[in-house]
C-alpha atoms as a PDB file:
ATOM      1  CA  UNK A   1     -28.669  50.018 -73.772  1.00  0.00           C
ATOM      2  CA  UNK A   2     -27.378  46.968 -75.562  1.00  0.00           C
ATOM      3  CA  UNK A   3     -24.107  47.450 -73.841  1.00  0.00           C
ATOM      4  CA  UNK A   4     -25.762  47.610 -70.466  1.00  0.00           C
ATOM      5  CA  UNK A   5     -27.718  44.411 -71.049  1.00  0.00           C
ATOM      6  CA  UNK A   6     -24.575  42.660 -72.239  1.00  0.00           C
ATOM      7  CA  UNK A   7     -22.720  43.806 -69.149  1.00  0.00           C
ATOM      8  CA  UNK A   8     -25.515  42.640 -66.897  1.00  0.00           C
ATOM      9  CA  UNK A   9     -25.471  39.216 -68.555  1.00  0.00           C
ATOM     10  CA  UNK A  10     -21.744  38.926 -68.115  1.00  0.00           C
ATOM     11  CA  UNK A  11     -22.099  39.766 -64.465  1.00  0.00           C
ATOM     12  CA  UNK A  12     -24.707  37.041 -64.071  1.00  0.00           C
ATOM     13  CA  UNK A  13     -22.496  34.579 -65.937  1.00  0.00           C
ATOM     14  CA  UNK A  14     -19.532  35.467 -63.761  1.00  0.00           C
ATOM     15  CA  UNK A  15     -21.611  35.078 -60.627  1.00  0.00           C
ATOM     16  CA  UNK A  16     -22.862  31.676 -61.808  1.00  0.00           C
ATOM     17  CA  UNK A  17     -19.317  30.580 -62.634  1.00  0.00           C
ATOM     18  CA  UNK A  18     -18.075  31.776 -59.237  1.00  0.00           C
ATOM     19  CA  UNK A  19     -20.855  29.859 -57.534  1.00  0.00           C
ATOM     20  CA  UNK A  20     -19.982  26.713 -59.437  1.00  0.00           C
ATOM     21  CA  UNK A  21     -16.300  27.150 -58.666  1.00  0.00           C
ATOM     22  CA  UNK A  22     -17.058  27.641 -55.000  1.00  0.00           C
ATOM     23  CA  UNK A  23     -19.224  24.510 -54.975  1.00  0.00           C
ATOM     24  CA  UNK A  24     -16.473  22.500 -56.668  1.00  0.00           C
ATOM     25  CA  UNK A  25     -13.923  23.913 -54.227  1.00  0.00           C
ATOM     26  CA  UNK A  26     -16.117  22.976 -51.290  1.00  0.00           C
ATOM     27  CA  UNK A  27     -16.550  19.432 -52.639  1.00  0.00           C
ATOM     28  CA  UNK A  28     -12.808  19.048 -53.151  1.00  0.00           C
ATOM     29  CA  UNK A  29     -12.088  20.397 -49.690  1.00  0.00           C
ATOM     30  CA  UNK A  30     -14.575  17.932 -48.228  1.00  0.00           C
ATOM     31  CA  UNK A  31     -12.983  15.105 -50.213  1.00  0.00           C
ATOM     32  CA  UNK A  32      -9.473  16.114 -49.031  1.00  0.00           C
ATOM     33  CA  UNK A  33     -10.679  16.286 -45.435  1.00  0.00           C
ATOM     34  CA  UNK A  34     -12.266  12.862 -45.783  1.00  0.00           C
ATOM     35  CA  UNK A  35      -9.070  11.492 -47.282  1.00  0.00           C
ATOM     36  CA  UNK A  36      -7.060  12.965 -44.405  1.00  0.00           C
ATOM     37  CA  UNK A  37      -9.400  11.365 -41.862  1.00  0.00           C
ATOM     38  CA  UNK A  38      -9.174   8.037 -43.686  1.00  0.00           C
ATOM     39  CA  UNK A  39      -5.385   8.271 -43.773  1.00  0.00           C
ATOM     40  CA  UNK A  40      -5.211   9.085 -40.066  1.00  0.00           C
ATOM     41  CA  UNK A  41      -7.578   6.231 -39.349  1.00  0.00           C
ATOM     42  CA  UNK A  42      -5.457   3.898 -41.469  1.00  0.00           C
ATOM     43  CA  UNK A  43      -2.345   4.959 -39.570  1.00  0.00           C
ATOM     44  CA  UNK A  44      -4.052   4.386 -36.225  1.00  0.00           C
ATOM     45  CA  UNK A  45      -5.418   1.072 -37.433  1.00  0.00           C
ATOM     46  CA  UNK A  46      -1.960   0.044 -38.623  1.00  0.00           C
ATOM     47  CA  UNK A  47      -0.449   1.010 -35.284  1.00  0.00           C
ATOM     48  CA  UNK A  48      -3.166  -0.944 -33.472  1.00  0.00           C
ATOM     49  CA  UNK A  49      -2.488  -3.975 -35.677  1.00  0.00           C
ATOM     50  CA  UNK A  50       1.187  -3.865 -34.706  1.00  0.00           C
ATOM     51  CA  UNK A  51       0.471  -3.229 -31.016  1.00  0.00           C
ATOM     52  CA  UNK A  52      -1.831  -6.027 -29.899  1.00  0.00           C
ATOM     53  CA  UNK A  53      -0.743  -8.881 -32.113  1.00  0.00           C
ATOM     54  CA  UNK A  54      -0.025 -12.343 -30.709  1.00  0.00           C
ATOM     55  CA  UNK A  55       3.654 -13.327 -30.764  1.00  0.00           C
ATOM     56  CA  UNK A  56       4.785 -13.911 -34.367  1.00  0.00           C
ATOM     57  CA  UNK A  57       6.615 -17.075 -35.482  1.00  0.00           C
ATOM     58  CA  UNK A  58      10.364 -17.006 -34.823  1.00  0.00           C
ATOM     59  CA  UNK A  59      11.914 -19.317 -37.436  1.00  0.00           C
ATOM     60  CA  UNK A  60      15.343 -17.773 -36.863  1.00  0.00           C
ATOM     61  CA  UNK A  61      15.104 -17.141 -33.086  1.00  0.00           C
ATOM     62  CA  UNK A  62      15.427 -15.915 -30.422  1.00  0.00           C
ATOM     63  CA  UNK A  63      14.461 -19.221 -28.871  1.00  0.00           C
ATOM     64  CA  UNK A  64      12.412 -20.417 -25.980  1.00  0.00           C
ATOM     65  CA  UNK A  65      14.186 -22.971 -23.847  1.00  0.00           C
ATOM     66  CA  UNK A  66      11.566 -25.538 -24.857  1.00  0.00           C
ATOM     67  CA  UNK A  67      12.650 -25.177 -28.492  1.00  0.00           C
ATOM     68  CA  UNK A  68      16.342 -26.002 -28.000  1.00  0.00           C
ATOM     69  CA  UNK A  69      17.578 -29.481 -27.056  1.00  0.00           C
ATOM     70  CA  UNK A  70      20.942 -28.320 -25.657  1.00  0.00           C
ATOM     71  CA  UNK A  71      20.672 -24.612 -24.751  1.00  0.00           C
ATOM     72  CA  UNK A  72      24.032 -24.578 -22.901  1.00  0.00           C
ATOM     73  CA  UNK A  73      25.932 -25.815 -25.968  1.00  0.00           C
ATOM     74  CA  UNK A  74      27.977 -22.859 -27.216  1.00  0.00           C
ATOM     75  CA  UNK A  75      26.192 -20.465 -24.860  1.00  0.00           C
ATOM     76  CA  UNK A  76      26.835 -18.907 -21.447  1.00  0.00           C
ATOM     77  CA  UNK A  77      24.266 -19.944 -18.838  1.00  0.00           C
ATOM     78  CA  UNK A  78      22.894 -16.850 -17.103  1.00  0.00           C
ATOM     79  CA  UNK A  79      19.831 -18.551 -15.713  1.00  0.00           C
ATOM     80  CA  UNK A  80      17.105 -16.558 -17.439  1.00  0.00           C
ATOM     81  CA  UNK A  81      19.174 -16.316 -20.650  1.00  0.00           C
ATOM     82  CA  UNK A  82      21.597 -18.519 -22.514  1.00  0.00           C
ATOM     83  CA  UNK A  83      23.830 -16.071 -24.388  1.00  0.00           C
ATOM     84  CA  UNK A  84      25.878 -17.275 -27.387  1.00  0.00           C
ATOM     85  CA  UNK A  85      29.625 -17.099 -26.974  1.00  0.00           C
ATOM     86  CA  UNK A  86      31.767 -15.905 -29.873  1.00  0.00           C
ATOM     87  CA  UNK A  87      35.495 -15.348 -30.290  1.00  0.00           C
ATOM     88  CA  UNK A  88      36.743 -12.016 -28.957  1.00  0.00           C
ATOM     89  CA  UNK A  89      33.624 -11.173 -27.008  1.00  0.00           C
ATOM     90  CA  UNK A  90      33.367  -9.685 -23.529  1.00  0.00           C
ATOM     91  CA  UNK A  91      30.238 -10.433 -21.497  1.00  0.00           C
ATOM     92  CA  UNK A  92      29.008  -8.028 -18.820  1.00  0.00           C
ATOM     93  CA  UNK A  93      25.987  -8.202 -16.579  1.00  0.00           C
ATOM     94  CA  UNK A  94      24.065  -5.244 -15.219  1.00  0.00           C
ATOM     95  CA  UNK A  95      22.805  -5.128 -11.641  1.00  0.00           C
ATOM     96  CA  UNK A  96      19.663  -3.362 -10.418  1.00  0.00           C
ATOM     97  CA  UNK A  97      19.562  -3.491  -6.628  1.00  0.00           C
ATOM     98  CA  UNK A  98      20.363  -7.077  -5.714  1.00  0.00           C
ATOM     99  CA  UNK A  99      19.231  -8.562  -9.006  1.00  0.00           C
ATOM    100  CA  UNK A 100      21.015  -9.091 -12.310  1.00  0.00           C
ATOM    101  CA  UNK A 101      18.626  -7.887 -14.985  1.00  0.00           C
ATOM    102  CA  UNK A 102      20.624  -7.505 -18.210  1.00  0.00           C
ATOM    103  CA  UNK A 103      23.621  -8.879 -20.086  1.00  0.00           C
ATOM    104  CA  UNK A 104      25.769  -6.868 -22.470  1.00  0.00           C
ATOM    105  CA  UNK A 105      27.920  -8.460 -25.145  1.00  0.00           C
ATOM    106  CA  UNK A 106      30.823  -6.233 -26.177  1.00  0.00           C
ATOM    107  CA  UNK A 107      32.456  -7.100 -29.464  1.00  0.00           C
ATOM    108  CA  UNK A 108      35.253  -4.823 -30.612  1.00  0.00           C
ATOM    109  CA  UNK A 109      33.709  -1.348 -30.973  1.00  0.00           C
ATOM    110  CA  UNK A 110      30.056  -2.443 -30.798  1.00  0.00           C
ATOM    111  CA  UNK A 111      27.755  -3.846 -28.119  1.00  0.00           C
ATOM    112  CA  UNK A 112      24.298  -5.337 -27.668  1.00  0.00           C
ATOM    113  CA  UNK A 113      22.497  -5.289 -24.350  1.00  0.00           C
ATOM    114  CA  UNK A 114      20.060  -8.169 -23.819  1.00  0.00           C
ATOM    115  CA  UNK A 115      17.141  -8.010 -21.382  1.00  0.00           C
ATOM    116  CA  UNK A 116      14.187 -10.392 -21.086  1.00  0.00           C
ATOM    117  CA  UNK A 117      10.761  -9.640 -19.565  1.00  0.00           C
ATOM    118  CA  UNK A 118       7.637 -11.567 -18.774  1.00  0.00           C
ATOM    119  CA  UNK A 119       4.769 -11.002 -21.224  1.00  0.00           C
ATOM    120  CA  UNK A 120       1.085 -11.981 -21.591  1.00  0.00           C
ATOM    121  CA  UNK A 121       0.424 -15.457 -22.936  1.00  0.00           C
ATOM    122  CA  UNK A 122      -1.491 -14.454 -26.069  1.00  0.00           C
ATOM    123  CA  UNK A 123      -0.352 -10.909 -26.746  1.00  0.00           C
ATOM    124  CA  UNK A 124       2.982  -9.381 -27.682  1.00  0.00           C
ATOM    125  CA  UNK A 125       4.204  -6.197 -26.021  1.00  0.00           C
ATOM    126  CA  UNK A 126       6.940  -5.019 -28.404  1.00  0.00           C
ATOM    127  CA  UNK A 127       4.567  -2.612 -30.204  1.00  0.00           C
ATOM    128  CA  UNK A 128       3.664  -0.858 -26.943  1.00  0.00           C
ATOM    129  CA  UNK A 129       7.250  -0.850 -25.736  1.00  0.00           C
ATOM    130  CA  UNK A 130       8.384   0.783 -29.005  1.00  0.00           C
ATOM    131  CA  UNK A 131       5.862   3.549 -28.546  1.00  0.00           C
ATOM    132  CA  UNK A 132       6.980   4.171 -24.968  1.00  0.00           C
ATOM    133  CA  UNK A 133      10.663   4.224 -25.912  1.00  0.00           C
ATOM    134  CA  UNK A 134       9.979   6.578 -28.822  1.00  0.00           C
ATOM    135  CA  UNK A 135       7.917   8.929 -26.650  1.00  0.00           C
ATOM    136  CA  UNK A 136      10.597   9.086 -23.959  1.00  0.00           C
ATOM    137  CA  UNK A 137      13.414   9.833 -26.402  1.00  0.00           C
ATOM    138  CA  UNK A 138      11.483  12.498 -28.307  1.00  0.00           C
ATOM    139  CA  UNK A 139      10.593  14.188 -25.024  1.00  0.00           C
ATOM    140  CA  UNK A 140      14.317  14.434 -24.349  1.00  0.00           C
ATOM    141  CA  UNK A 141      14.835  16.120 -27.691  1.00  0.00           C
ATOM    142  CA  UNK A 142      15.981  13.006 -29.523  1.00  0.00           C
ATOM    143  CA  UNK A 143      14.967  11.753 -32.958  1.00  0.00           C
ATOM    144  CA  UNK A 144      13.288   8.390 -33.654  1.00  0.00           C
ATOM    145  CA  UNK A 145      12.918   6.461 -36.896  1.00  0.00           C
ATOM    146  CA  UNK A 146      10.767   3.309 -36.854  1.00  0.00           C
ATOM    147  CA  UNK A 147      11.871   0.896 -39.569  1.00  0.00           C
ATOM    148  CA  UNK A 148      11.526  -2.775 -40.420  1.00  0.00           C
ATOM    149  CA  UNK A 149      15.057  -4.129 -40.105  1.00  0.00           C
ATOM    150  CA  UNK A 150      16.744  -7.553 -40.141  1.00  0.00           C
ATOM    151  CA  UNK A 151      15.199  -8.400 -36.761  1.00  0.00           C
ATOM    152  CA  UNK A 152      11.722  -7.057 -37.519  1.00  0.00           C
ATOM    153  CA  UNK A 153      10.329  -3.700 -36.434  1.00  0.00           C
ATOM    154  CA  UNK A 154      12.926  -1.617 -34.625  1.00  0.00           C
ATOM    155  CA  UNK A 155      13.682   1.920 -33.504  1.00  0.00           C
ATOM    156  CA  UNK A 156      16.744   3.770 -34.701  1.00  0.00           C
ATOM    157  CA  UNK A 157      17.304   6.597 -32.302  1.00  0.00           C
ATOM    158  CA  UNK A 158      19.490   9.660 -32.022  1.00  0.00           C
ATOM    159  CA  UNK A 159      19.700  10.128 -28.232  1.00  0.00           C
ATOM    160  CA  UNK A 160      21.012  13.402 -26.742  1.00  0.00           C
ATOM    161  CA  UNK A 161      24.034  12.815 -24.497  1.00  0.00           C
ATOM    162  CA  UNK A 162      26.531  14.957 -22.656  1.00  0.00           C
ATOM    163  CA  UNK A 163      30.075  14.581 -23.950  1.00  0.00           C
ATOM    164  CA  UNK A 164      33.104  14.401 -21.598  1.00  0.00           C
ATOM    165  CA  UNK A 165      33.924  18.062 -22.282  1.00  0.00           C
ATOM    166  CA  UNK A 166      30.464  19.099 -21.116  1.00  0.00           C
ATOM    167  CA  UNK A 167      29.050  19.849 -24.535  1.00  0.00           C
ATOM    168  CA  UNK A 168      25.984  18.200 -25.981  1.00  0.00           C
ATOM    169  CA  UNK A 169      26.161  15.369 -28.485  1.00  0.00           C
ATOM    170  CA  UNK A 170      24.106  12.591 -30.007  1.00  0.00           C
ATOM    171  CA  UNK A 171      24.455   8.822 -29.595  1.00  0.00           C
ATOM    172  CA  UNK A 172      23.064   6.506 -32.290  1.00  0.00           C
ATOM    173  CA  UNK A 173      21.250   3.502 -30.827  1.00  0.00           C
ATOM    174  CA  UNK A 174      19.095   0.689 -32.226  1.00  0.00           C
ATOM    175  CA  UNK A 175      16.290  -0.786 -30.146  1.00  0.00           C
ATOM    176  CA  UNK A 176      15.236  -4.266 -31.332  1.00  0.00           C
ATOM    177  CA  UNK A 177      12.735  -6.659 -29.821  1.00  0.00           C
ATOM    178  CA  UNK A 178      10.988  -9.980 -30.291  1.00  0.00           C
ATOM    179  CA  UNK A 179       7.894 -11.399 -28.569  1.00  0.00           C
ATOM    180  CA  UNK A 180       8.086 -15.020 -27.518  1.00  0.00           C
ATOM    181  CA  UNK A 181       5.806 -17.412 -25.613  1.00  0.00           C
ATOM    182  CA  UNK A 182       5.090 -15.485 -22.366  1.00  0.00           C
ATOM    183  CA  UNK A 183       8.308 -13.464 -22.715  1.00  0.00           C
ATOM    184  CA  UNK A 184       9.749 -10.519 -24.584  1.00  0.00           C
ATOM    185  CA  UNK A 185      13.436 -10.063 -25.428  1.00  0.00           C
ATOM    186  CA  UNK A 186      14.779  -6.562 -25.988  1.00  0.00           C
ATOM    187  CA  UNK A 187      18.158  -5.707 -27.481  1.00  0.00           C
ATOM    188  CA  UNK A 188      19.922  -2.325 -27.510  1.00  0.00           C
ATOM    189  CA  UNK A 189      22.657  -2.148 -30.139  1.00  0.00           C
ATOM    190  CA  UNK A 190      25.218   0.637 -29.696  1.00  0.00           C
ATOM    191  CA  UNK A 191      28.590   1.638 -31.080  1.00  0.00           C
ATOM    192  CA  UNK A 192      29.524   0.943 -34.682  1.00  0.00           C
ATOM    193  CA  UNK A 193      26.835  -1.743 -34.896  1.00  0.00           C
ATOM    194  CA  UNK A 194      24.193   0.965 -34.568  1.00  0.00           C
ATOM    195  CA  UNK A 195      25.759   3.175 -37.240  1.00  0.00           C
ATOM    196  CA  UNK A 196      27.044   0.781 -39.894  1.00  0.00           C
ATOM    197  CA  UNK A 197      24.880  -2.234 -40.904  1.00  0.00           C
ATOM    198  CA  UNK A 198      27.941  -4.275 -41.888  1.00  0.00           C
ATOM    199  CA  UNK A 199      29.226  -4.024 -38.309  1.00  0.00           C
ATOM    200  CA  UNK A 200      25.966  -5.309 -36.807  1.00  0.00           C
ATOM    201  CA  UNK A 201      25.732  -8.764 -38.388  1.00  0.00           C
ATOM    202  CA  UNK A 202      27.357 -10.715 -35.556  1.00  0.00           C
ATOM    203  CA  UNK A 203      25.482  -8.801 -32.883  1.00  0.00           C
ATOM    204  CA  UNK A 204      22.205  -9.515 -34.659  1.00  0.00           C
ATOM    205  CA  UNK A 205      23.117 -13.205 -34.828  1.00  0.00           C
ATOM    206  CA  UNK A 206      23.891 -13.225 -31.098  1.00  0.00           C
ATOM    207  CA  UNK A 207      20.442 -11.733 -30.467  1.00  0.00           C
ATOM    208  CA  UNK A 208      18.764 -14.340 -32.719  1.00  0.00           C
ATOM    209  CA  UNK A 209      20.579 -17.270 -31.104  1.00  0.00           C
ATOM    210  CA  UNK A 210      19.847 -16.242 -27.509  1.00  0.00           C
ATOM    211  CA  UNK A 211      17.665 -18.671 -25.528  1.00  0.00           C
ATOM    212  CA  UNK A 212      15.133 -17.301 -23.026  1.00  0.00           C
ATOM    213  CA  UNK A 213      14.137 -19.216 -19.856  1.00  0.00           C
ATOM    214  CA  UNK A 214      10.860 -17.731 -18.674  1.00  0.00           C
ATOM    215  CA  UNK A 215      10.134 -20.300 -15.970  1.00  0.00           C
ATOM    216  CA  UNK A 216       6.703 -21.600 -15.018  1.00  0.00           C
ATOM    217  CA  UNK A 217       6.071 -19.352 -12.001  1.00  0.00           C
ATOM    218  CA  UNK A 218       3.554 -16.488 -12.119  1.00  0.00           C
ATOM    219  CA  UNK A 219       5.019 -13.159 -13.241  1.00  0.00           C
ATOM    220  CA  UNK A 220       3.389  -9.860 -13.997  1.00  0.00           C
ATOM    221  CA  UNK A 221       3.776  -8.639 -17.595  1.00  0.00           C
ATOM    222  CA  UNK A 222       6.993  -6.607 -18.035  1.00  0.00           C
ATOM    223  CA  UNK A 223       8.617  -7.977 -14.891  1.00  0.00           C
ATOM    224  CA  UNK A 224      12.306  -8.523 -15.728  1.00  0.00           C
ATOM    225  CA  UNK A 225      13.427 -12.127 -15.938  1.00  0.00           C
ATOM    226  CA  UNK A 226      16.219 -12.248 -13.369  1.00  0.00           C
ATOM    227  CA  UNK A 227      19.634 -13.562 -14.419  1.00  0.00           C
ATOM    228  CA  UNK A 228      22.460 -15.171 -12.472  1.00  0.00           C
ATOM    229  CA  UNK A 229      26.216 -15.391 -12.783  1.00  0.00           C
ATOM    230  CA  UNK A 230      27.808 -18.564 -14.103  1.00  0.00           C
ATOM    231  CA  UNK A 231      29.528 -20.606 -11.429  1.00  0.00           C
ATOM    232  CA  UNK A 232      32.983 -20.002 -12.911  1.00  0.00           C
ATOM    233  CA  UNK A 233      32.539 -16.258 -13.447  1.00  0.00           C
ATOM    234  CA  UNK A 234      35.225 -13.910 -12.201  1.00  0.00           C
ATOM    235  CA  UNK A 235      33.885 -10.800 -10.495  1.00  0.00           C
ATOM    236  CA  UNK A 236      35.498  -7.656 -11.854  1.00  0.00           C
ATOM    237  CA  UNK A 237      34.209  -4.292 -10.522  1.00  0.00           C
ATOM    238  CA  UNK A 238      33.471  -1.509 -13.008  1.00  0.00           C
ATOM    239  CA  UNK A 239      36.612   0.096 -14.401  1.00  0.00           C
ATOM    240  CA  UNK A 240      39.027  -2.591 -13.192  1.00  0.00           C
ATOM    241  CA  UNK A 241      41.167  -4.116 -15.927  1.00  0.00           C
ATOM    242  CA  UNK A 242      42.876  -7.504 -15.736  1.00  0.00           C
ATOM    243  CA  UNK A 243      45.975  -8.555 -17.592  1.00  0.00           C
ATOM    244  CA  UNK A 244      44.483 -11.889 -18.521  1.00  0.00           C
ATOM    245  CA  UNK A 245      41.726 -10.214 -20.532  1.00  0.00           C
ATOM    246  CA  UNK A 246      44.002 -10.082 -23.551  1.00  0.00           C
ATOM    247  CA  UNK A 247      43.945 -13.885 -23.731  1.00  0.00           C
ATOM    248  CA  UNK A 248      40.283 -14.310 -22.858  1.00  0.00           C
ATOM    249  CA  UNK A 249      37.686 -15.705 -25.213  1.00  0.00           C
ATOM    250  CA  UNK A 250      35.245 -13.164 -23.811  1.00  0.00           C
ATOM    251  CA  UNK A 251      37.672 -10.266 -23.866  1.00  0.00           C
ATOM    252  CA  UNK A 252      37.229  -7.216 -26.032  1.00  0.00           C
ATOM    253  CA  UNK A 253      39.522  -4.268 -26.607  1.00  0.00           C
ATOM    254  CA  UNK A 254      36.816  -1.763 -25.766  1.00  0.00           C
ATOM    255  CA  UNK A 255      36.606   0.401 -22.672  1.00  0.00           C
ATOM    256  CA  UNK A 256      33.856  -0.028 -20.110  1.00  0.00           C
ATOM    257  CA  UNK A 257      30.358   0.999 -21.231  1.00  0.00           C
ATOM    258  CA  UNK A 258      28.675   3.467 -18.941  1.00  0.00           C
ATOM    259  CA  UNK A 259      25.418   1.610 -18.227  1.00  0.00           C
ATOM    260  CA  UNK A 260      25.349   1.722 -14.447  1.00  0.00           C
ATOM    261  CA  UNK A 261      26.883  -0.826 -12.020  1.00  0.00           C
ATOM    262  CA  UNK A 262      28.224  -3.773 -13.939  1.00  0.00           C
ATOM    263  CA  UNK A 263      30.196  -6.958 -13.353  1.00  0.00           C
ATOM    264  CA  UNK A 264      32.360  -8.447 -16.058  1.00  0.00           C
ATOM    265  CA  UNK A 265      32.766 -12.123 -16.723  1.00  0.00           C
ATOM    266  CA  UNK A 266      36.151 -13.001 -18.231  1.00  0.00           C
ATOM    267  CA  UNK A 267      37.119 -16.418 -19.510  1.00  0.00           C
END
């Protein structure tokens, strides 16, 4: 009889302990769920903070034309952009329809494509553009890493490409961007400059020292700022090589980049 009463008490104790453990487990689960919600909210809040911010100060550039006394000094005048000229560089412009919308600086085995867009007066668009680029690349099966680099927040992407032999490969690309007063400048760094940081320094400096000419006319946000060819530019169709390129200040030893119809300026 004593044994039975002892057993019954143990059963009650075990049941009480199980109930307490279950209660503690439920409380911890609720706390973990709350923490997860808070973390998700913090992530969303952080993304929102980066998305709708006004343009940040640009102490090191890129520059608005109103901030530079002599924008053409040491730069190539492309109308909507003044692009710095450096020794050994080749400058190409990309055409969309009848308009020139981008400039690509090729420097040895690296390149940076520059493209400027209109933007709202009091709100930057680089945060939204990053999200759109990342979404597009991941939908293609690529990989995106968002990091804070030398030029601010950027995307380092592994983009699926088809190799010349028909097999699949991956191209490493860096997407950089800066919001300015009523404009946004995007850069796409490819080649060795996207893979090795030590090879990107001069390309990053070219991006920083670029001057944007937004103009005073009305433009819808994200409309490309149209460029023009310099008056002394030589028109070279895609794939055509010229002997004088070897002596040109804007000549590089790299083959043509496959970015659509392009015209090369050689000096």
